[in-house]
């Protein structure tokens, strides 16, 4: 059972870390392209800014969903319950 818990802890760390890395790269690319587009056509900057903030919100939502799933595995791990149910007939 300790292996399931330790592998789950590694998976949780991996999910949160990769989610943060992906969002960081995505926001960096998005911000760079926004500045490039605003420098090329300054009159479109307000429209581009609005669309950029919408995409930033969607990027953050993806990261928060990943954090939510990781917290589910960290605090209400369904795999531990399945392992307990599978081992219950053997132990009893």
Protein backbone atom coordinates (compact mmCIF):
# COMPACT_ATOMS: atom_id res chain seq x y z
CA UNK A 1 0.00 0.00 0.00
CA UNK A 2 2.92 2.33 0.64
CA UNK A 3 3.97 1.98 -3.00
CA UNK A 4 0.57 3.16 -4.20
CA UNK A 5 0.73 6.18 -1.92
CA UNK A 6 4.29 7.05 -2.94
CA UNK A 7 3.55 6.68 -6.65
CA UNK A 8 0.46 8.82 -6.19
CA UNK A 9 2.55 11.53 -4.50
CA UNK A 10 4.96 11.47 -7.45
CA UNK A 11 2.07 11.65 -9.91
CA UNK A 12 0.55 14.60 -8.05
CA UNK A 13 3.87 16.46 -8.11
CA UNK A 14 4.29 15.66 -11.80
CA UNK A 15 0.75 16.86 -12.65
CA UNK A 16 1.14 20.15 -10.82
CA UNK A 17 4.66 20.75 -12.13
CA UNK A 18 3.89 19.98 -15.76
CA UNK A 19 0.73 22.06 -15.58
CA UNK A 20 2.66 25.03 -14.25
CA UNK A 21 5.39 24.57 -16.84
CA UNK A 22 2.89 24.37 -19.70
CA UNK A 23 0.99 27.44 -18.55
CA UNK A 24 4.24 29.37 -18.10
CA UNK A 25 5.41 28.55 -21.61
CA UNK A 26 1.97 29.29 -23.05
CA UNK A 27 1.72 32.67 -21.33
CA UNK A 28 5.23 33.57 -22.43
CA UNK A 29 4.43 32.79 -26.05
CA UNK A 30 1.09 34.57 -25.82
CA UNK A 31 2.57 37.70 -24.27
CA UNK A 32 5.35 37.83 -26.84
CA UNK A 33 2.94 37.47 -29.74
CA UNK A 34 0.65 40.10 -28.23
CA UNK A 35 3.51 42.60 -27.95
CA UNK A 36 4.59 41.81 -31.49
CA UNK A 37 1.07 42.31 -32.84
CA UNK A 38 0.56 45.52 -30.87
CA UNK A 39 3.89 46.89 -32.13
CA UNK A 40 2.99 46.11 -35.74
CA UNK A 41 -0.52 47.60 -35.58
CA UNK A 42 -1.00 49.81 -32.53
CA UNK A 43 -4.61 50.62 -33.42
CA UNK A 44 -5.56 46.97 -32.86
CA UNK A 45 -3.94 46.79 -29.40
CA UNK A 46 -7.21 47.10 -27.38
CA UNK A 47 -8.87 44.31 -29.35
CA UNK A 48 -5.79 42.11 -29.09
CA UNK A 49 -5.53 42.81 -25.37
CA UNK A 50 -9.12 41.68 -24.80
CA UNK A 51 -8.53 38.46 -26.70
CA UNK A 52 -5.23 37.90 -24.91
CA UNK A 53 -6.90 38.14 -21.49
CA UNK A 54 -9.57 35.64 -22.55
CA UNK A 55 -6.90 33.15 -23.61
CA UNK A 56 -4.93 33.77 -20.39
CA UNK A 57 -8.07 32.94 -18.40
CA UNK A 58 -8.49 29.70 -20.36
CA UNK A 59 -4.84 28.80 -19.78
CA UNK A 60 -5.24 29.37 -16.05
CA UNK A 61 -8.41 27.28 -16.04
CA UNK A 62 -6.52 24.33 -17.52
CA UNK A 63 -3.88 24.63 -14.79
CA UNK A 64 -6.50 24.88 -12.04
CA UNK A 65 -8.29 21.77 -13.34
CA UNK A 66 -4.97 19.93 -13.15
CA UNK A 67 -4.42 21.16 -9.59
CA UNK A 68 -7.95 20.07 -8.65
CA UNK A 69 -7.40 16.56 -10.01
CA UNK A 70 -4.01 16.38 -8.28
CA UNK A 71 -5.56 17.41 -4.96
CA UNK A 72 -8.24 14.77 -5.43
CA UNK A 73 -5.54 12.13 -5.77
CA UNK A 74 -3.59 13.57 -2.84
CA UNK A 75 -6.43 13.71 -0.30
CA UNK A 76 -9.15 11.33 -1.53
CA UNK A 77 -7.12 8.75 -3.38
CA UNK A 78 -9.48 6.22 -5.02
CA UNK A 79 -6.59 3.83 -5.69
CA UNK A 80 -5.93 3.26 -1.98
CA UNK A 81 -9.57 2.27 -1.41
CA UNK A 82 -9.44 -0.16 -4.32
CA UNK A 83 -6.25 -1.66 -2.95
CA UNK A 84 -7.79 -2.02 0.52
CA UNK A 85 -10.86 -3.74 -0.96
CA UNK A 86 -8.66 -6.09 -2.98
CA UNK A 87 -6.51 -7.00 0.03
CA UNK A 88 -9.38 -7.30 2.53
CA UNK A 89 -10.24 -10.96 1.73
CA UNK A 90 -6.55 -11.91 1.93
CA UNK A 91 -5.97 -10.25 5.31
CA UNK A 92 -9.25 -11.44 6.87
